[in-house]
Amino acid sequence: MRHRKSNKKLNKPTDQRLALLKNLAVSLIEHSRIITTQTRAKQAQRFVELLVTKSKVDSVENRRYIMKKLNNKVALKKIFSISKNYTDRKGGYTKLINVGFRRGDSATLSLLEFVN
C-alpha cells in the first residue's frame, strides 16, 4: 500500500518536477556537490539515495533502471563508480548542510554532497 507516501510538489507540474529532480541528480553525480534550496535538496537527496542503492549491484536491470531515471550516459558510468565506495554502507550516502539564505528572496540554501 502507498498510504502517506507522497512527495513534495515543489510548486511544479509532474513533468517539470521530475525533470528538475533528474537535473539535480545528474549535477550532484557529476560535481559531487550542489547548492540549492533546502526543499529541493531534500527531494534530490531521496532521489539520489535510491539510485545509489540500486547501483551497488551492477546488473543490466539496474543499469536500465538508472538510465531511465537519469537519461545521461556520463552520469550512469559515474554513479556505478561512486557506489563502489559504499558497498558496506546501507544508506546515508549523501549529507545535507545548511549554508545560509539566498539574497533575493531569503530562501534557505543547502549544500548537498556525497559522504566520503
N, C-alpha and C. Protein backbone atom coordinates (compact mmCIF):
# COMPACT_ATOMS: atom_id res chain seq x y z
N MET A 1 0.83 -1.17 0.00
CA MET A 1 0.00 0.00 0.00
C MET A 1 0.88 1.24 0.00
N ARG A 2 0.37 2.30 -0.56
CA ARG A 2 1.15 3.52 -0.65
C ARG A 2 0.57 4.63 0.24
N HIS A 3 -0.05 4.27 1.33
CA HIS A 3 -0.62 5.28 2.20
C HIS A 3 0.47 6.19 2.76
N ARG A 4 0.22 7.49 2.71
CA ARG A 4 1.10 8.51 3.28
C ARG A 4 2.50 8.48 2.72
N LYS A 5 2.65 8.14 1.45
CA LYS A 5 3.96 8.12 0.81
C LYS A 5 3.97 9.14 -0.32
N SER A 6 3.75 10.39 0.01
CA SER A 6 3.70 11.42 -1.02
C SER A 6 5.01 12.17 -1.09
N ASN A 7 5.23 12.83 -2.21
CA ASN A 7 6.41 13.66 -2.40
C ASN A 7 6.00 15.12 -2.33
N LYS A 8 6.97 15.98 -2.11
CA LYS A 8 6.71 17.42 -2.18
C LYS A 8 6.44 17.78 -3.63
N LYS A 9 5.51 18.68 -3.84
CA LYS A 9 5.15 19.05 -5.21
C LYS A 9 6.09 20.11 -5.79
N LEU A 10 6.76 20.87 -4.95
CA LEU A 10 7.71 21.91 -5.36
C LEU A 10 7.08 22.97 -6.27
N ASN A 11 5.77 23.15 -6.16
CA ASN A 11 5.03 24.13 -6.96
C ASN A 11 5.25 23.95 -8.46
N LYS A 12 5.35 22.72 -8.93
CA LYS A 12 5.59 22.44 -10.33
C LYS A 12 4.69 21.30 -10.79
N PRO A 13 4.33 21.30 -12.08
CA PRO A 13 3.63 20.13 -12.62
C PRO A 13 4.54 18.90 -12.59
N THR A 14 3.96 17.73 -12.74
CA THR A 14 4.70 16.49 -12.58
C THR A 14 5.89 16.38 -13.51
N ASP A 15 5.72 16.70 -14.78
CA ASP A 15 6.82 16.55 -15.73
C ASP A 15 7.97 17.51 -15.42
N GLN A 16 7.64 18.73 -15.01
CA GLN A 16 8.69 19.69 -14.66
C GLN A 16 9.40 19.29 -13.37
N ARG A 17 8.64 18.74 -12.41
CA ARG A 17 9.22 18.31 -11.15
C ARG A 17 10.19 17.15 -11.37
N LEU A 18 9.80 16.18 -12.20
CA LEU A 18 10.68 15.04 -12.48
C LEU A 18 11.93 15.49 -13.23
N ALA A 19 11.78 16.44 -14.16
CA ALA A 19 12.93 16.96 -14.89
C ALA A 19 13.88 17.70 -13.94
N LEU A 20 13.32 18.44 -13.00
CA LEU A 20 14.13 19.15 -12.01
C LEU A 20 14.93 18.17 -11.16
N LEU A 21 14.28 17.12 -10.68
CA LEU A 21 14.97 16.12 -9.85
C LEU A 21 16.06 15.41 -10.65
N LYS A 22 15.76 15.11 -11.90
CA LYS A 22 16.75 14.45 -12.76
C LYS A 22 17.97 15.34 -12.95
N ASN A 23 17.74 16.63 -13.22
CA ASN A 23 18.85 17.56 -13.43
C ASN A 23 19.66 17.77 -12.16
N LEU A 24 19.00 17.85 -11.02
CA LEU A 24 19.72 17.99 -9.75
C LEU A 24 20.56 16.75 -9.47
N ALA A 25 20.00 15.57 -9.76
CA ALA A 25 20.73 14.32 -9.53
C ALA A 25 21.94 14.22 -10.44
N VAL A 26 21.78 14.56 -11.70
CA VAL A 26 22.90 14.50 -12.65
C VAL A 26 23.99 15.48 -12.23
N SER A 27 23.61 16.68 -11.81
CA SER A 27 24.60 17.66 -11.36
C SER A 27 25.34 17.18 -10.12
N LEU A 28 24.60 16.58 -9.19
CA LEU A 28 25.24 16.05 -7.98
C LEU A 28 26.21 14.94 -8.31
N ILE A 29 25.83 14.05 -9.20
CA ILE A 29 26.70 12.93 -9.57
C ILE A 29 27.94 13.42 -10.29
N GLU A 30 27.79 14.39 -11.18
CA GLU A 30 28.94 14.89 -11.95
C GLU A 30 29.88 15.74 -11.11
N HIS A 31 29.34 16.58 -10.22
CA HIS A 31 30.18 17.52 -9.48
C HIS A 31 30.40 17.14 -8.02
N SER A 32 29.73 16.11 -7.53
CA SER A 32 29.84 15.60 -6.16
C SER A 32 29.25 16.53 -5.10
N ARG A 33 28.82 17.72 -5.47
CA ARG A 33 28.17 18.64 -4.54
C ARG A 33 27.40 19.69 -5.31
N ILE A 34 26.26 20.09 -4.75
CA ILE A 34 25.45 21.15 -5.35
C ILE A 34 24.90 22.02 -4.23
N ILE A 35 24.61 23.27 -4.56
CA ILE A 35 23.95 24.18 -3.63
C ILE A 35 22.60 24.54 -4.24
N THR A 36 21.53 24.29 -3.49
CA THR A 36 20.18 24.58 -3.93
C THR A 36 19.32 24.87 -2.71
N THR A 37 18.05 25.14 -2.92
CA THR A 37 17.19 25.43 -1.78
C THR A 37 17.00 24.16 -0.94
N GLN A 38 16.59 24.34 0.28
CA GLN A 38 16.52 23.22 1.22
C GLN A 38 15.49 22.17 0.79
N THR A 39 14.31 22.58 0.35
CA THR A 39 13.29 21.60 -0.02
C THR A 39 13.69 20.83 -1.28
N ARG A 40 14.29 21.53 -2.24
CA ARG A 40 14.76 20.83 -3.44
C ARG A 40 15.89 19.87 -3.11
N ALA A 41 16.76 20.28 -2.21
CA ALA A 41 17.88 19.41 -1.82
C ALA A 41 17.37 18.15 -1.12
N LYS A 42 16.35 18.29 -0.28
CA LYS A 42 15.81 17.12 0.41
C LYS A 42 15.18 16.14 -0.58
N GLN A 43 14.46 16.65 -1.57
CA GLN A 43 13.85 15.77 -2.56
C GLN A 43 14.91 15.14 -3.45
N ALA A 44 15.93 15.90 -3.82
CA ALA A 44 17.02 15.36 -4.63
C ALA A 44 17.79 14.30 -3.85
N GLN A 45 17.92 14.50 -2.55
CA GLN A 45 18.61 13.54 -1.70
C GLN A 45 17.88 12.20 -1.71
N ARG A 46 16.56 12.22 -1.57
CA ARG A 46 15.78 10.98 -1.63
C ARG A 46 15.96 10.27 -2.96
N PHE A 47 15.94 11.06 -4.04
CA PHE A 47 16.04 10.52 -5.40
C PHE A 47 17.41 9.87 -5.62
N VAL A 48 18.48 10.55 -5.21
CA VAL A 48 19.85 10.06 -5.43
C VAL A 48 20.16 8.86 -4.55
N GLU A 49 19.67 8.86 -3.32
CA GLU A 49 19.94 7.73 -2.43
C GLU A 49 19.37 6.44 -3.01
N LEU A 50 18.19 6.52 -3.59
CA LEU A 50 17.60 5.35 -4.22
C LEU A 50 18.46 4.86 -5.38
N LEU A 51 18.96 5.79 -6.20
CA LEU A 51 19.79 5.41 -7.35
C LEU A 51 21.12 4.80 -6.91
N VAL A 52 21.72 5.34 -5.87
CA VAL A 52 22.99 4.78 -5.39
C VAL A 52 22.77 3.38 -4.84
N THR A 53 21.67 3.17 -4.13
CA THR A 53 21.37 1.83 -3.61
C THR A 53 21.19 0.85 -4.75
N LYS A 54 20.50 1.25 -5.81
CA LYS A 54 20.33 0.37 -6.97
C LYS A 54 21.66 0.09 -7.65
N SER A 55 22.54 1.09 -7.71
CA SER A 55 23.79 0.94 -8.46
C SER A 55 24.83 0.11 -7.72
N LYS A 56 24.57 -0.24 -6.47
CA LYS A 56 25.52 -1.08 -5.74
C LYS A 56 25.60 -2.47 -6.34
N VAL A 57 24.51 -2.94 -6.97
CA VAL A 57 24.52 -4.24 -7.66
C VAL A 57 24.57 -3.92 -9.16
N ASP A 58 25.69 -4.25 -9.80
CA ASP A 58 25.87 -3.92 -11.20
C ASP A 58 25.25 -5.01 -12.07
N SER A 59 24.03 -4.76 -12.52
CA SER A 59 23.34 -5.70 -13.40
C SER A 59 22.71 -4.91 -14.54
N VAL A 60 22.31 -5.61 -15.57
CA VAL A 60 21.69 -4.97 -16.72
C VAL A 60 20.38 -4.31 -16.30
N GLU A 61 19.64 -4.98 -15.46
CA GLU A 61 18.36 -4.43 -14.99
C GLU A 61 18.56 -3.11 -14.26
N ASN A 62 19.55 -3.05 -13.36
CA ASN A 62 19.79 -1.83 -12.61
C ASN A 62 20.34 -0.72 -13.50
N ARG A 63 21.18 -1.08 -14.47
CA ARG A 63 21.69 -0.08 -15.41
C ARG A 63 20.57 0.53 -16.23
N ARG A 64 19.62 -0.29 -16.65
CA ARG A 64 18.49 0.21 -17.43
C ARG A 64 17.58 1.09 -16.58
N TYR A 65 17.38 0.69 -15.33
CA TYR A 65 16.54 1.47 -14.42
C TYR A 65 17.14 2.86 -14.20
N ILE A 66 18.45 2.90 -13.91
CA ILE A 66 19.10 4.18 -13.64
C ILE A 66 19.18 5.02 -14.91
N MET A 67 19.39 4.39 -16.06
CA MET A 67 19.41 5.13 -17.31
C MET A 67 18.04 5.74 -17.60
N LYS A 68 16.99 5.01 -17.25
CA LYS A 68 15.63 5.53 -17.43
C LYS A 68 15.40 6.75 -16.55
N LYS A 69 15.94 6.73 -15.33
CA LYS A 69 15.73 7.84 -14.42
C LYS A 69 16.61 9.05 -14.74
N LEU A 70 17.87 8.81 -15.17
CA LEU A 70 18.80 9.91 -15.39
C LEU A 70 18.90 10.36 -16.84
N ASN A 71 18.86 9.41 -17.76
CA ASN A 71 18.98 9.69 -19.20
C ASN A 71 20.28 10.43 -19.51
N ASN A 72 21.39 9.96 -18.93
CA ASN A 72 22.69 10.58 -19.13
C ASN A 72 23.75 9.50 -18.98
N LYS A 73 24.48 9.21 -20.07
CA LYS A 73 25.45 8.11 -20.04
C LYS A 73 26.64 8.40 -19.15
N VAL A 74 27.09 9.65 -19.11
CA VAL A 74 28.23 10.00 -18.27
C VAL A 74 27.88 9.82 -16.79
N ALA A 75 26.69 10.28 -16.40
CA ALA A 75 26.26 10.13 -15.01
C ALA A 75 26.04 8.66 -14.67
N LEU A 76 25.58 7.88 -15.65
CA LEU A 76 25.37 6.45 -15.42
C LEU A 76 26.69 5.76 -15.07
N LYS A 77 27.73 6.03 -15.83
CA LYS A 77 29.04 5.42 -15.54
C LYS A 77 29.58 5.89 -14.20
N LYS A 78 29.40 7.18 -13.92
CA LYS A 78 29.97 7.73 -12.71
C LYS A 78 29.26 7.24 -11.45
N ILE A 79 27.95 7.04 -11.52
CA ILE A 79 27.22 6.59 -10.32
C ILE A 79 27.62 5.15 -9.96
N PHE A 80 27.94 4.33 -10.96
CA PHE A 80 28.39 2.99 -10.65
C PHE A 80 29.79 2.99 -10.06
N SER A 81 30.62 3.96 -10.44
CA SER A 81 31.94 4.05 -9.82
C SER A 81 31.84 4.65 -8.41
N ILE A 82 30.90 5.57 -8.20
CA ILE A 82 30.70 6.16 -6.87
C ILE A 82 30.18 5.11 -5.90
N SER A 83 29.29 4.25 -6.37
CA SER A 83 28.65 3.28 -5.47
C SER A 83 29.63 2.22 -4.96
N LYS A 84 30.79 2.08 -5.58
CA LYS A 84 31.79 1.12 -5.09
C LYS A 84 32.36 1.56 -3.75
N ASN A 85 32.28 2.85 -3.45
CA ASN A 85 32.76 3.35 -2.15
C ASN A 85 31.81 3.00 -1.01
N TYR A 86 30.56 2.64 -1.36
CA TYR A 86 29.53 2.43 -0.34
C TYR A 86 29.04 0.99 -0.27
N THR A 87 29.89 0.01 -0.58
CA THR A 87 29.44 -1.37 -0.60
C THR A 87 29.02 -1.88 0.78
N ASP A 88 29.70 -1.42 1.83
CA ASP A 88 29.37 -1.89 3.18
C ASP A 88 28.41 -0.95 3.91
N ARG A 89 27.92 0.08 3.24
CA ARG A 89 27.04 1.06 3.86
C ARG A 89 25.61 0.81 3.41
N LYS A 90 24.65 0.87 4.33
CA LYS A 90 23.26 0.55 3.99
C LYS A 90 22.44 1.76 3.59
N GLY A 91 22.95 2.94 3.79
CA GLY A 91 22.21 4.14 3.43
C GLY A 91 22.98 5.35 3.89
N GLY A 92 22.43 6.54 3.67
CA GLY A 92 23.10 7.76 4.10
C GLY A 92 24.31 8.06 3.26
N TYR A 93 24.16 8.01 1.95
CA TYR A 93 25.27 8.25 1.04
C TYR A 93 25.53 9.73 0.82
N THR A 94 24.55 10.56 1.16
CA THR A 94 24.69 12.00 0.98
C THR A 94 24.45 12.70 2.30
N LYS A 95 24.96 13.93 2.39
CA LYS A 95 24.69 14.74 3.58
C LYS A 95 24.23 16.12 3.14
N LEU A 96 23.42 16.71 3.99
CA LEU A 96 22.78 17.99 3.72
C LEU A 96 23.25 19.00 4.76
N ILE A 97 23.84 20.09 4.30
CA ILE A 97 24.36 21.11 5.21
C ILE A 97 23.70 22.44 4.86
N ASN A 98 23.11 23.09 5.85
CA ASN A 98 22.51 24.40 5.62
C ASN A 98 23.62 25.43 5.46
N VAL A 99 23.53 26.23 4.39
CA VAL A 99 24.58 27.18 4.06
C VAL A 99 24.22 28.60 4.47
N GLY A 100 22.97 28.95 4.35
CA GLY A 100 22.56 30.31 4.68
C GLY A 100 21.27 30.64 3.95
N PHE A 101 21.12 31.89 3.59
CA PHE A 101 19.92 32.35 2.93
C PHE A 101 20.27 33.00 1.60
N ARG A 102 19.42 32.80 0.60
CA ARG A 102 19.61 33.43 -0.69
C ARG A 102 19.30 34.92 -0.56
N ARG A 103 20.07 35.72 -1.26
CA ARG A 103 19.98 37.16 -1.09
C ARG A 103 18.66 37.73 -1.60
N GLY A 104 18.15 37.24 -2.72
CA GLY A 104 16.98 37.84 -3.34
C GLY A 104 15.69 37.61 -2.57
N ASP A 105 15.44 36.36 -2.17
CA ASP A 105 14.15 36.05 -1.55
C ASP A 105 14.28 35.39 -0.18
N SER A 106 15.48 35.33 0.37
CA SER A 106 15.75 34.75 1.68
C SER A 106 15.35 33.29 1.79
N ALA A 107 15.45 32.55 0.68
CA ALA A 107 15.21 31.12 0.73
C ALA A 107 16.40 30.43 1.38
N THR A 108 16.14 29.40 2.16
CA THR A 108 17.21 28.67 2.84
C THR A 108 17.99 27.84 1.83
N LEU A 109 19.29 28.07 1.75
CA LEU A 109 20.14 27.33 0.83
C LEU A 109 20.82 26.18 1.56
N SER A 110 21.00 25.07 0.85
CA SER A 110 21.64 23.90 1.44
C SER A 110 22.67 23.34 0.47
N LEU A 111 23.70 22.78 1.04
CA LEU A 111 24.75 22.11 0.28
C LEU A 111 24.48 20.61 0.37
N LEU A 112 24.34 19.97 -0.77
CA LEU A 112 24.11 18.53 -0.84
C LEU A 112 25.34 17.90 -1.43
N GLU A 113 25.97 16.96 -0.71
CA GLU A 113 27.20 16.34 -1.20
C GLU A 113 27.27 14.89 -0.75
N PHE A 114 28.11 14.13 -1.43
CA PHE A 114 28.31 12.74 -1.08
C PHE A 114 29.19 12.62 0.15
N VAL A 115 28.91 11.63 0.99
CA VAL A 115 29.71 11.36 2.18
C VAL A 115 30.95 10.60 1.74
N ASN A 116 32.09 10.91 2.34
CA ASN A 116 33.33 10.21 1.98
C ASN A 116 33.39 8.83 2.57
